[in-house]
């Protein structure tokens, strides 16, 4: 807003002159000022986006446009914003898409109080593939998008869409910052599972990935819909004080090793000199839905180091809460498992899931407990409040991941046996996604037989369905190699339609359940 001033000389303010020429007339004189972010102009594809950010301007993207990213964008000015102008729904968001095969990160943002809103971030994994491991370098992979870090307190990422990440994490909430917010976002696939589902046809094992990786304190991760992560849906690196609430993590076609993880001994949050007591104080994981709908979730809500990494024994995580979460789906591995924790409250969680498929594989000399909804290691869970459904482990609950020792397929992926309920869930999900219906009894039996023979994984089953008349009736000719771009578009279009119907982002649970219904309405 431009204010009037009581002066003898009244000036007609020309807003176009103010924005385009950055010229403000004051009295009889004039003053040149740098362009304020509030007046940043809309940029076009092909413009130098980094130059805009370097000036400290907001990056205002054009509705529905595609911007090709060849080098990681960075922004550091407090209050800076990146958003799509006048966009309301995902199909109107501008897209920042990686096109450089050597690049892995789209955005590295560390601007205090900054906002990233209504943008599609596309790593384009299935067209430019992944960076070969020898070329990654000693620093490891970056995330697709990273925000926060030193100088990045109070940043928010809202109403964005993330897809086709090429790295270990899709959205990293960087340590060194606090009060970050990630809410109302869509995540459509991240990485490759142990069986090779999600794989680009050129890549080698293993490249599983998180949707959200959070190491920032006192932050909020709220109302995100996360489809098909392969490492973890939301992982907390201690992140003391952080709240994870009202999210959905769903394994539709790929396995995810964790739903929401509280297993890391990040020493930034150590409470003792030995750095073995790690603060999860103030962490609240509540009212989330974890759904092993069509892919195994090895542990839905793991709490404590040893369930994930046995050689981290002796590290104790202290002070968090896990309440009011819903565990669902026919392909569950283990539900909530707790080991090596003190002063936690784990109550009011509901399990509707079916659990099968022992962790590890084959004739293991020291097998863990059978899959169950609520398991804990009694000697190492101290001064905790647990809901009554918890039962103490009889053998052990160390390393409950199913990622080793199985026969490998031709590409080097682990072809573990399927638990019976797990196999049924995988087949049903494939038919729903590809054909919009449930399989009949014979189709279930044939699908399970193919999975058990190790001739096909869940992706292979879908590709087989894509060659049939029924699929082509709905979608026309789609090359089986284009499975994952097809699936991303399918989910994107459905979510866009439902967000429009709801007038904006509804609750993640509502969006997810309506999307599953929509899959069946071909």
Protein backbone atom coordinates (compact mmCIF):
# COMPACT_ATOMS: atom_id res chain seq x y z
CA UNK A 1 0.00 0.00 0.00
CA UNK A 2 1.33 3.49 -0.92
CA UNK A 3 0.44 6.20 1.56
CA UNK A 4 -0.48 9.83 0.73
CA UNK A 5 1.52 12.56 2.43
CA UNK A 6 0.35 16.07 3.24
CA UNK A 7 2.62 18.14 1.08
CA UNK A 8 2.23 21.28 -0.94
CA UNK A 9 3.02 19.30 -4.03
CA UNK A 10 0.77 16.29 -4.67
CA UNK A 11 2.19 13.57 -6.82
CA UNK A 12 0.30 11.08 -8.99
CA UNK A 13 1.77 7.71 -8.15
CA UNK A 14 2.23 5.43 -11.11
CA UNK A 15 2.39 1.85 -9.82
CA UNK A 16 3.77 0.57 -13.08
CA UNK A 17 6.57 3.09 -12.84
CA UNK A 18 7.17 2.06 -9.25
CA UNK A 19 7.47 -1.62 -10.15
CA UNK A 20 9.18 -1.49 -13.51
CA UNK A 21 11.41 1.55 -13.13
CA UNK A 22 11.80 1.38 -9.36
CA UNK A 23 11.32 5.13 -9.28
CA UNK A 24 9.54 6.86 -6.42
CA UNK A 25 8.66 10.54 -6.82
CA UNK A 26 8.89 12.41 -3.56
CA UNK A 27 7.87 16.02 -3.60
CA UNK A 28 9.76 17.67 -6.46
CA UNK A 29 12.67 15.26 -6.30
CA UNK A 30 13.18 11.61 -7.01
CA UNK A 31 14.81 8.73 -5.21
CA UNK A 32 16.03 5.45 -6.69
CA UNK A 33 15.32 2.44 -4.50
CA UNK A 34 16.03 -1.26 -5.00
CA UNK A 35 13.00 -3.31 -5.88
CA UNK A 36 11.28 -4.53 -2.74
CA UNK A 37 10.31 -8.23 -2.77
CA UNK A 38 6.67 -7.20 -2.46
CA UNK A 39 6.91 -5.76 -5.97
CA UNK A 40 8.92 -8.60 -7.55
CA UNK A 41 7.80 -9.23 -11.09
CA UNK A 42 6.68 -12.58 -12.42
CA UNK A 43 9.52 -14.48 -14.08
CA UNK A 44 9.25 -16.44 -17.31
CA UNK A 45 10.74 -19.79 -18.28
CA UNK A 46 14.25 -19.13 -19.52
CA UNK A 47 14.82 -16.16 -17.18
CA UNK A 48 17.77 -16.25 -14.80
CA UNK A 49 16.02 -17.41 -11.63
CA UNK A 50 19.17 -17.32 -9.53
CA UNK A 51 19.78 -13.68 -10.45
CA UNK A 52 16.33 -12.84 -9.10
CA UNK A 53 17.09 -14.63 -5.84
CA UNK A 54 20.53 -13.03 -5.60
CA UNK A 55 18.91 -9.59 -5.72
CA UNK A 56 16.85 -10.58 -2.72
CA UNK A 57 13.62 -10.44 -4.68
CA UNK A 58 10.83 -12.94 -4.31
CA UNK A 59 10.79 -15.59 -7.02
CA UNK A 60 7.30 -15.21 -8.48
CA UNK A 61 6.53 -18.02 -10.90
CA UNK A 62 3.92 -18.02 -13.65
CA UNK A 63 0.85 -20.18 -13.25
CA UNK A 64 1.16 -23.55 -14.96
CA UNK A 65 4.60 -22.87 -16.45
CA UNK A 66 7.58 -25.24 -16.56
CA UNK A 67 11.02 -23.98 -15.49
CA UNK A 68 14.03 -26.09 -16.36
CA UNK A 69 16.63 -26.22 -13.59
CA UNK A 70 20.23 -26.92 -14.55
CA UNK A 71 21.88 -25.86 -11.29
CA UNK A 72 20.72 -25.79 -7.67
CA UNK A 73 18.89 -22.59 -6.76
CA UNK A 74 19.85 -20.92 -3.49
CA UNK A 75 18.20 -18.18 -1.47
CA UNK A 76 19.35 -16.57 1.76
CA UNK A 77 17.60 -13.23 2.25
CA UNK A 78 15.26 -13.10 5.27
CA UNK A 79 11.62 -13.17 4.30
CA UNK A 80 12.24 -14.27 0.72
CA UNK A 81 9.43 -16.16 -0.99
CA UNK A 82 9.16 -18.62 -3.86
CA UNK A 83 5.62 -19.15 -5.09
CA UNK A 84 3.29 -19.41 -8.07
CA UNK A 85 1.29 -16.26 -8.65
CA UNK A 86 -2.49 -16.61 -8.38
CA UNK A 87 -2.37 -20.43 -8.19
CA UNK A 88 -4.95 -22.29 -6.12
CA UNK A 89 -4.71 -25.92 -7.18
CA UNK A 90 -1.79 -28.25 -8.02
CA UNK A 91 -2.42 -28.20 -11.79
CA UNK A 92 -1.95 -24.43 -11.65
CA UNK A 93 1.36 -24.58 -9.80
CA UNK A 94 4.54 -23.78 -11.69
CA UNK A 95 7.00 -26.66 -11.98
CA UNK A 96 10.72 -26.52 -11.23
CA UNK A 97 12.13 -29.55 -13.03
CA UNK A 98 15.69 -30.85 -13.01
CA UNK A 99 17.08 -31.27 -16.52
CA UNK A 100 20.78 -31.59 -15.73
CA UNK A 101 21.69 -35.30 -15.29
CA UNK A 102 24.61 -34.32 -13.04
CA UNK A 103 22.49 -32.29 -10.61
CA UNK A 104 20.44 -33.70 -7.73
CA UNK A 105 19.11 -30.73 -5.75
CA UNK A 106 16.61 -28.18 -7.03
CA UNK A 107 16.58 -25.76 -4.11
CA UNK A 108 18.71 -24.98 -1.06
CA UNK A 109 16.89 -22.31 0.93
CA UNK A 110 18.12 -20.71 4.13
CA UNK A 111 16.19 -17.46 4.49
CA UNK A 112 14.77 -16.64 7.89
CA UNK A 113 11.00 -16.42 7.81
CA UNK A 114 10.93 -17.38 4.15
CA UNK A 115 8.07 -19.14 2.38
CA UNK A 116 7.99 -21.76 -0.38
CA UNK A 117 4.44 -22.20 -1.57
CA UNK A 118 2.45 -23.71 -4.44
CA UNK A 119 5.32 -25.09 -6.50
CA UNK A 120 5.86 -28.52 -8.07
CA UNK A 121 9.39 -29.86 -7.52
CA UNK A 122 10.19 -32.56 -10.06
CA UNK A 123 13.48 -34.48 -9.91
CA UNK A 124 12.59 -36.22 -13.22
CA UNK A 125 14.16 -39.50 -12.10
CA UNK A 126 12.53 -41.58 -14.81
CA UNK A 127 13.78 -39.51 -17.73
CA UNK A 128 17.26 -38.37 -16.70
CA UNK A 129 17.80 -41.37 -14.39
CA UNK A 130 19.96 -41.14 -11.27
CA UNK A 131 23.53 -39.99 -10.78
CA UNK A 132 25.81 -43.06 -10.84
CA UNK A 133 27.30 -43.73 -7.42
CA UNK A 134 30.94 -43.15 -8.50
CA UNK A 135 29.97 -39.60 -9.53
CA UNK A 136 28.24 -38.63 -6.30
CA UNK A 137 31.46 -37.75 -4.51
CA UNK A 138 32.56 -37.90 -0.90
CA UNK A 139 29.89 -35.55 0.41
CA UNK A 140 27.09 -37.93 -0.42
CA UNK A 141 23.77 -37.02 -1.95
CA UNK A 142 21.88 -33.83 -1.18
CA UNK A 143 18.11 -33.74 -0.79
CA UNK A 144 15.87 -32.73 -3.68
CA UNK A 145 14.86 -29.65 -1.65
CA UNK A 146 16.52 -28.47 1.54
CA UNK A 147 15.34 -25.63 3.75
CA UNK A 148 16.26 -24.23 7.13
CA UNK A 149 19.81 -24.59 8.43
CA UNK A 150 21.75 -21.73 10.00
CA UNK A 151 19.98 -18.49 9.20
CA UNK A 152 16.80 -20.29 8.20
CA UNK A 153 14.62 -20.15 11.32
CA UNK A 154 10.89 -19.90 10.80
CA UNK A 155 10.74 -21.01 7.17
CA UNK A 156 7.67 -22.77 5.77
CA UNK A 157 6.98 -25.09 2.83
CA UNK A 158 3.26 -25.23 2.12
CA UNK A 159 0.96 -26.57 -0.57
CA UNK A 160 3.74 -27.92 -2.76
CA UNK A 161 4.07 -31.14 -4.75
CA UNK A 162 7.23 -33.26 -4.73
CA UNK A 163 7.86 -36.03 -7.24
CA UNK A 164 10.54 -38.19 -8.81
CA UNK A 165 13.36 -37.40 -6.40
CA UNK A 166 16.80 -38.66 -7.48
CA UNK A 167 18.38 -38.69 -4.02
CA UNK A 168 18.10 -40.10 -0.49
CA UNK A 169 15.63 -37.46 0.70
CA UNK A 170 12.89 -35.44 -0.93
CA UNK A 171 12.44 -32.60 1.57
CA UNK A 172 15.14 -32.03 4.19
CA UNK A 173 14.41 -29.80 7.18
CA UNK A 174 17.97 -28.82 7.95
CA UNK A 175 19.57 -28.83 11.39
CA UNK A 176 20.68 -25.48 12.74
CA UNK A 177 17.19 -24.05 12.33
CA UNK A 178 14.09 -24.16 14.46
CA UNK A 179 10.40 -23.48 13.97
CA UNK A 180 10.26 -24.81 10.43
CA UNK A 181 6.91 -25.85 8.95
CA UNK A 182 6.08 -28.43 6.27
CA UNK A 183 2.35 -28.70 5.73
CA UNK A 184 -0.30 -29.48 3.14
CA UNK A 185 2.21 -30.98 0.70
CA UNK A 186 1.93 -33.96 -1.65
CA UNK A 187 4.76 -36.47 -2.07
CA UNK A 188 4.37 -38.82 -5.02
CA UNK A 189 7.02 -41.51 -4.82
CA UNK A 190 10.55 -41.47 -3.44
CA UNK A 191 13.27 -43.96 -4.31
CA UNK A 192 13.39 -47.71 -4.87
CA UNK A 193 12.39 -50.40 -2.40
CA UNK A 194 14.43 -53.54 -1.56
CA UNK A 195 12.56 -55.56 -4.19
CA UNK A 196 13.28 -53.01 -6.93
CA UNK A 197 9.86 -51.38 -7.07
CA UNK A 198 10.19 -47.76 -8.14
CA UNK A 199 13.38 -48.46 -10.06
CA UNK A 200 14.45 -46.48 -13.07
CA UNK A 201 15.37 -49.13 -15.63
CA UNK A 202 19.00 -47.95 -15.73
CA UNK A 203 19.86 -47.96 -12.04
CA UNK A 204 21.51 -50.42 -9.68
CA UNK A 205 20.66 -51.31 -6.05
CA UNK A 206 19.98 -49.70 -3.66
CA UNK A 207 18.53 -46.21 -3.69
CA UNK A 208 15.68 -45.97 -1.22
CA UNK A 209 14.60 -42.49 -0.13
CA UNK A 210 12.69 -40.52 2.49
CA UNK A 211 9.84 -38.16 1.82
CA UNK A 212 10.57 -35.80 4.75
CA UNK A 213 13.82 -35.89 6.72
CA UNK A 214 13.76 -33.57 9.73
CA UNK A 215 16.70 -32.56 11.92
CA UNK A 216 15.36 -29.12 12.88
CA UNK A 217 14.02 -28.47 16.36
CA UNK A 218 10.63 -27.17 17.48
CA UNK A 219 9.21 -27.64 14.01
CA UNK A 220 5.88 -28.80 12.58
CA UNK A 221 5.18 -31.47 9.96
CA UNK A 222 1.45 -31.40 9.40
CA UNK A 223 -1.20 -32.66 6.99
CA UNK A 224 1.06 -34.01 4.27
CA UNK A 225 -0.01 -36.85 1.97
CA UNK A 226 2.99 -39.12 1.37
CA UNK A 227 2.63 -41.86 -1.24
CA UNK A 228 5.30 -44.53 -1.76
CA UNK A 229 8.39 -43.49 0.16
CA UNK A 230 10.89 -46.34 0.26
CA UNK A 231 13.14 -45.52 3.21
CA UNK A 232 10.86 -43.58 5.55
CA UNK A 233 7.79 -41.38 5.20
CA UNK A 234 8.89 -38.96 7.94
CA UNK A 235 12.17 -39.47 9.78
CA UNK A 236 13.13 -37.45 12.84
CA UNK A 237 16.82 -37.01 13.55
CA UNK A 238 15.91 -36.38 17.19
CA UNK A 239 14.57 -32.91 16.23
CA UNK A 240 13.60 -32.11 19.83
CA UNK A 241 10.32 -30.26 20.16
CA UNK A 242 9.06 -31.18 16.70
CA UNK A 243 5.42 -32.14 16.14
CA UNK A 244 4.42 -34.63 13.42
CA UNK A 245 0.65 -34.63 13.14
CA UNK A 246 -2.25 -35.43 10.81
CA UNK A 247 -0.10 -36.86 8.02
CA UNK A 248 -0.72 -39.92 5.85
CA UNK A 249 2.13 -42.26 4.91
CA UNK A 250 0.92 -44.89 2.44
CA UNK A 251 2.76 -47.71 0.70
CA UNK A 252 0.73 -48.26 -2.47
CA UNK A 253 3.18 -49.92 -4.85
CA UNK A 254 6.55 -49.76 -3.08
CA UNK A 255 7.71 -50.99 0.28
CA UNK A 256 8.69 -48.44 2.89
CA UNK A 257 11.08 -49.48 5.62
CA UNK A 258 9.57 -47.02 8.08
CA UNK A 259 6.39 -44.99 8.41
CA UNK A 260 7.39 -42.31 10.92
CA UNK A 261 10.81 -43.01 12.42
CA UNK A 262 12.17 -42.12 15.85
CA UNK A 263 15.34 -44.22 15.74
CA UNK A 264 18.28 -41.92 15.09
CA UNK A 265 20.96 -41.03 17.62
CA UNK A 266 21.76 -37.62 16.18
CA UNK A 267 24.40 -36.29 18.55
CA UNK A 268 23.49 -32.65 18.00
CA UNK A 269 20.72 -33.41 20.51
CA UNK A 270 22.86 -35.34 23.01
CA UNK A 271 22.21 -34.68 26.70
CA UNK A 272 25.37 -36.21 28.17
CA UNK A 273 29.10 -35.98 27.55
CA UNK A 274 29.22 -39.51 26.17
CA UNK A 275 26.59 -38.46 23.59
CA UNK A 276 24.60 -41.61 24.23
CA UNK A 277 21.47 -40.01 25.71
CA UNK A 278 19.62 -38.31 22.87
CA UNK A 279 16.82 -35.81 23.44
CA UNK A 280 13.49 -36.40 21.77
CA UNK A 281 11.93 -34.16 24.41
CA UNK A 282 8.91 -32.35 23.10
CA UNK A 283 8.61 -34.63 20.08
CA UNK A 284 4.96 -35.46 19.47
CA UNK A 285 3.96 -37.93 16.76
CA UNK A 286 0.19 -37.86 16.83
CA UNK A 287 -2.93 -38.50 14.79
CA UNK A 288 -1.11 -39.80 11.72
CA UNK A 289 -2.30 -42.61 9.45
CA UNK A 290 0.26 -45.22 8.39
CA UNK A 291 -1.16 -47.50 5.69
CA UNK A 292 0.55 -50.59 4.26
CA UNK A 293 -2.11 -50.62 1.56
CA UNK A 294 -0.25 -52.36 -1.24
CA UNK A 295 3.36 -52.54 -0.09
CA UNK A 296 5.13 -53.72 3.02
CA UNK A 297 5.90 -51.14 5.69
CA UNK A 298 8.60 -52.94 7.62
CA UNK A 299 8.02 -50.92 10.81
CA UNK A 300 5.18 -48.45 10.95
CA UNK A 301 6.30 -46.49 14.01
CA UNK A 302 9.74 -47.62 15.22
CA UNK A 303 11.00 -46.02 18.44
CA UNK A 304 14.59 -46.57 19.56
CA UNK A 305 17.88 -47.23 17.79
CA UNK A 306 18.27 -51.00 17.97
CA UNK A 307 15.10 -51.92 16.09
CA UNK A 308 16.74 -50.23 13.11
CA UNK A 309 20.51 -50.52 13.68
CA UNK A 310 21.58 -53.17 16.22
CA UNK A 311 25.13 -51.89 16.61
CA UNK A 312 23.74 -48.62 17.99
CA UNK A 313 23.03 -50.53 21.19
CA UNK A 314 23.73 -48.42 24.27
CA UNK A 315 22.25 -45.24 22.84
CA UNK A 316 19.08 -44.18 24.63
CA UNK A 317 16.39 -41.93 23.19
CA UNK A 318 14.41 -39.97 25.74
CA UNK A 319 11.29 -37.89 26.10
CA UNK A 320 8.88 -38.26 23.16
CA UNK A 321 5.20 -39.02 22.68
CA UNK A 322 3.44 -41.28 20.15
CA UNK A 323 -0.32 -40.90 20.46
CA UNK A 324 -3.53 -41.32 18.51
CA UNK A 325 -2.02 -42.78 15.35
CA UNK A 326 -3.82 -45.29 13.12
CA UNK A 327 -1.98 -48.27 11.62
CA UNK A 328 -3.71 -49.85 8.64
CA UNK A 329 -3.26 -52.04 5.58
CA UNK A 330 -2.86 -55.67 4.61
CA UNK A 331 0.90 -55.56 4.00
CA UNK A 332 2.16 -54.58 7.44
CA UNK A 333 5.45 -55.86 8.77
CA UNK A 334 5.61 -54.64 12.38
CA UNK A 335 3.49 -51.94 13.99
CA UNK A 336 4.91 -49.90 16.89
CA UNK A 337 8.16 -51.33 18.24
CA UNK A 338 10.11 -49.81 21.14
CA UNK A 339 13.64 -50.54 22.35
CA UNK A 340 16.19 -48.49 24.29
CA UNK A 341 14.00 -45.58 25.39
CA UNK A 342 13.23 -43.67 28.57
CA UNK A 343 10.42 -41.32 29.55
CA UNK A 344 8.21 -41.89 26.50
CA UNK A 345 4.43 -41.93 26.31
CA UNK A 346 3.02 -44.31 23.69
CA UNK A 347 -0.75 -44.48 24.13
CA UNK A 348 -4.04 -44.32 22.27
CA UNK A 349 -2.75 -45.73 19.00
CA UNK A 350 -5.05 -48.01 16.98
CA UNK A 351 -4.01 -50.95 14.83
CA UNK A 352 -6.29 -52.06 12.00
CA UNK A 353 -3.44 -53.55 10.00
CA UNK A 354 -2.51 -57.13 9.19
CA UNK A 355 1.09 -58.10 9.92
CA UNK A 356 3.10 -60.85 8.24
CA UNK A 357 6.54 -61.68 6.92
CA UNK A 358 9.25 -62.24 9.52
CA UNK A 359 12.10 -59.72 9.48
CA UNK A 360 15.33 -60.91 7.87
CA UNK A 361 14.99 -63.99 5.72
CA UNK A 362 15.18 -67.76 5.62
CA UNK A 363 16.85 -69.98 8.22
CA UNK A 364 18.09 -67.16 10.41
CA UNK A 365 20.13 -68.44 13.40
CA UNK A 366 18.55 -65.91 15.75
CA UNK A 367 15.16 -64.89 14.36
CA UNK A 368 13.28 -61.93 15.83
CA UNK A 369 9.77 -62.01 17.19
CA UNK A 370 6.95 -62.64 14.78
CA UNK A 371 5.27 -59.54 13.33
CA UNK A 372 2.80 -57.86 15.68
CA UNK A 373 1.11 -54.54 16.28
CA UNK A 374 2.75 -53.53 19.59
CA UNK A 375 6.10 -54.95 20.73
CA UNK A 376 8.67 -53.69 23.20
CA UNK A 377 11.94 -54.81 24.72
CA UNK A 378 11.10 -54.92 28.42
CA UNK A 379 14.63 -54.56 29.87
CA UNK A 380 15.46 -51.43 27.85
CA UNK A 381 12.14 -49.56 27.96
CA UNK A 382 12.38 -47.61 31.20
CA UNK A 383 10.00 -45.15 32.89
CA UNK A 384 7.65 -45.16 29.92
CA UNK A 385 3.87 -45.13 29.68
CA UNK A 386 2.73 -47.77 27.19
CA UNK A 387 -0.78 -48.62 26.08
CA UNK A 388 -2.03 -52.00 27.32
CA UNK A 389 -1.83 -53.69 23.90
CA UNK A 390 1.97 -53.78 24.10
CA UNK A 391 3.53 -57.18 24.66
CA UNK A 392 7.16 -57.82 25.60
CA UNK A 393 9.37 -59.39 22.97
CA UNK A 394 10.08 -63.07 23.56
CA UNK A 395 13.14 -63.45 21.34
CA UNK A 396 14.29 -60.00 20.22
CA UNK A 397 13.21 -57.00 18.14
CA UNK A 398 16.55 -56.00 16.68
CA UNK A 399 16.81 -54.98 13.02
CA UNK A 400 13.25 -55.66 11.99
CA UNK A 401 13.94 -54.73 8.38
CA UNK A 402 13.53 -57.29 5.62
CA UNK A 403 16.40 -56.14 3.42
CA UNK A 404 19.05 -58.86 3.48
CA UNK A 405 19.91 -62.48 2.74
CA UNK A 406 17.20 -63.15 0.14
CA UNK A 407 17.78 -64.50 -3.36
CA UNK A 408 18.44 -61.68 -5.80
CA UNK A 409 16.78 -60.99 -9.13
CA UNK A 410 18.71 -60.26 -12.32
CA UNK A 411 19.19 -56.63 -11.25
CA UNK A 412 20.48 -57.41 -7.76
CA UNK A 413 17.31 -56.66 -5.78
CA UNK A 414 16.14 -58.73 -2.81
CA UNK A 415 13.29 -61.09 -3.69
CA UNK A 416 11.97 -61.94 -0.24
CA UNK A 417 9.04 -64.24 0.26
CA UNK A 418 5.70 -62.53 0.81
CA UNK A 419 3.58 -63.11 3.85
CA UNK A 420 0.19 -64.40 2.73
CA UNK A 421 -1.77 -61.24 3.65
CA UNK A 422 1.03 -59.12 2.20
CA UNK A 423 0.86 -60.89 -1.16
CA UNK A 424 -2.91 -60.45 -1.33
CA UNK A 425 -2.58 -56.74 -0.56
CA UNK A 426 0.05 -56.28 -3.28
CA UNK A 427 -2.15 -57.91 -5.92
CA UNK A 428 -5.28 -56.00 -4.88
CA UNK A 429 -3.46 -52.65 -4.98
CA UNK A 430 -2.07 -53.35 -8.44
CA UNK A 431 -5.51 -54.12 -9.85
CA UNK A 432 -7.07 -51.07 -8.21
CA UNK A 433 -4.42 -48.70 -9.57
CA UNK A 434 -4.18 -50.14 -13.06
CA UNK A 435 -7.72 -51.35 -13.73
CA UNK A 436 -9.87 -49.55 -11.19
CA UNK A 437 -11.31 -52.69 -9.66
CA UNK A 438 -10.66 -55.53 -7.27
CA UNK A 439 -9.22 -58.75 -8.69
CA UNK A 440 -11.33 -61.87 -8.68
CA UNK A 441 -10.25 -64.96 -6.76
CA UNK A 442 -8.44 -66.48 -9.73
CA UNK A 443 -6.57 -63.24 -10.45
CA UNK A 444 -5.46 -63.02 -6.83
CA UNK A 445 -4.18 -66.59 -6.94
CA UNK A 446 -2.34 -66.03 -10.22
CA UNK A 447 -0.82 -62.78 -8.96
CA UNK A 448 0.40 -64.36 -5.74
CA UNK A 449 1.88 -67.24 -7.72
CA UNK A 450 3.86 -64.84 -9.90
CA UNK A 451 5.11 -62.92 -6.86
CA UNK A 452 6.06 -66.14 -5.07
CA UNK A 453 7.97 -67.40 -8.11
CA UNK A 454 10.14 -64.26 -7.96
CA UNK A 455 9.44 -63.70 -11.64
CA UNK A 456 7.71 -60.40 -10.96
CA UNK A 457 7.69 -57.75 -8.25
CA UNK A 458 4.81 -55.31 -7.72
CA UNK A 459 6.05 -53.12 -10.57
CA UNK A 460 6.26 -56.15 -12.84
CA UNK A 461 2.69 -57.09 -12.00
CA UNK A 462 1.53 -53.60 -12.94
CA UNK A 463 3.50 -53.63 -16.17
CA UNK A 464 1.87 -56.91 -17.09
CA UNK A 465 -1.57 -55.38 -16.52
CA UNK A 466 -0.61 -52.40 -18.69
CA UNK A 467 -0.29 -54.67 -21.72
CA UNK A 468 -3.87 -55.95 -21.43
CA UNK A 469 -7.02 -54.90 -23.24
CA UNK A 470 -8.72 -53.72 -20.05
CA UNK A 471 -6.00 -51.22 -19.19
CA UNK A 472 -5.86 -49.92 -22.76
CA UNK A 473 -9.61 -49.36 -22.73
CA UNK A 474 -9.16 -46.80 -19.96
CA UNK A 475 -5.77 -45.29 -20.75
CA UNK A 476 -4.85 -46.19 -24.32
CA UNK A 477 -1.37 -47.33 -25.24
CA UNK A 478 1.14 -46.62 -22.46
CA UNK A 479 4.56 -48.21 -22.68
CA UNK A 480 5.23 -50.40 -19.62
CA UNK A 481 8.58 -48.63 -19.22
CA UNK A 482 6.57 -45.47 -18.49
CA UNK A 483 4.89 -47.05 -15.46
CA UNK A 484 6.14 -44.55 -12.91
CA UNK A 485 5.52 -41.36 -14.91
CA UNK A 486 2.06 -42.78 -15.57
CA UNK A 487 1.45 -43.46 -11.87
CA UNK A 488 2.69 -40.02 -10.81
CA UNK A 489 0.33 -38.36 -13.28
CA UNK A 490 -2.54 -40.61 -12.19
CA UNK A 491 -2.17 -39.64 -8.54
CA UNK A 492 -1.42 -35.99 -9.35
CA UNK A 493 -4.56 -35.65 -11.46
CA UNK A 494 -6.75 -37.37 -8.88
CA UNK A 495 -5.42 -35.22 -6.04
CA UNK A 496 -5.81 -32.07 -8.11
CA UNK A 497 -9.43 -32.97 -8.89
CA UNK A 498 -10.22 -33.63 -5.23
CA UNK A 499 -8.47 -30.51 -3.96
CA UNK A 500 -10.55 -28.49 -6.44
CA UNK A 501 -13.70 -30.22 -5.25
CA UNK A 502 -12.85 -29.40 -1.64
CA UNK A 503 -11.93 -25.80 -2.45
CA UNK A 504 -8.39 -26.34 -1.19
CA UNK A 505 -6.31 -28.93 0.59
CA UNK A 506 -8.56 -31.02 2.85
CA UNK A 507 -7.23 -33.17 5.65
CA UNK A 508 -4.62 -35.59 4.35
CA UNK A 509 -6.74 -38.53 5.53
CA UNK A 510 -9.77 -37.25 3.63
CA UNK A 511 -7.75 -36.66 0.49
CA UNK A 512 -6.17 -40.11 0.70
CA UNK A 513 -9.43 -41.98 1.25
CA UNK A 514 -11.18 -40.05 -1.51
CA UNK A 515 -8.25 -40.75 -3.85
CA UNK A 516 -8.54 -44.48 -3.23
CA UNK A 517 -12.25 -44.25 -3.99
CA UNK A 518 -11.47 -42.29 -7.15
CA UNK A 519 -9.10 -45.02 -8.35
CA UNK A 520 -12.09 -47.31 -8.45
CA UNK A 521 -14.21 -44.89 -10.50
CA UNK A 522 -12.60 -45.33 -13.91
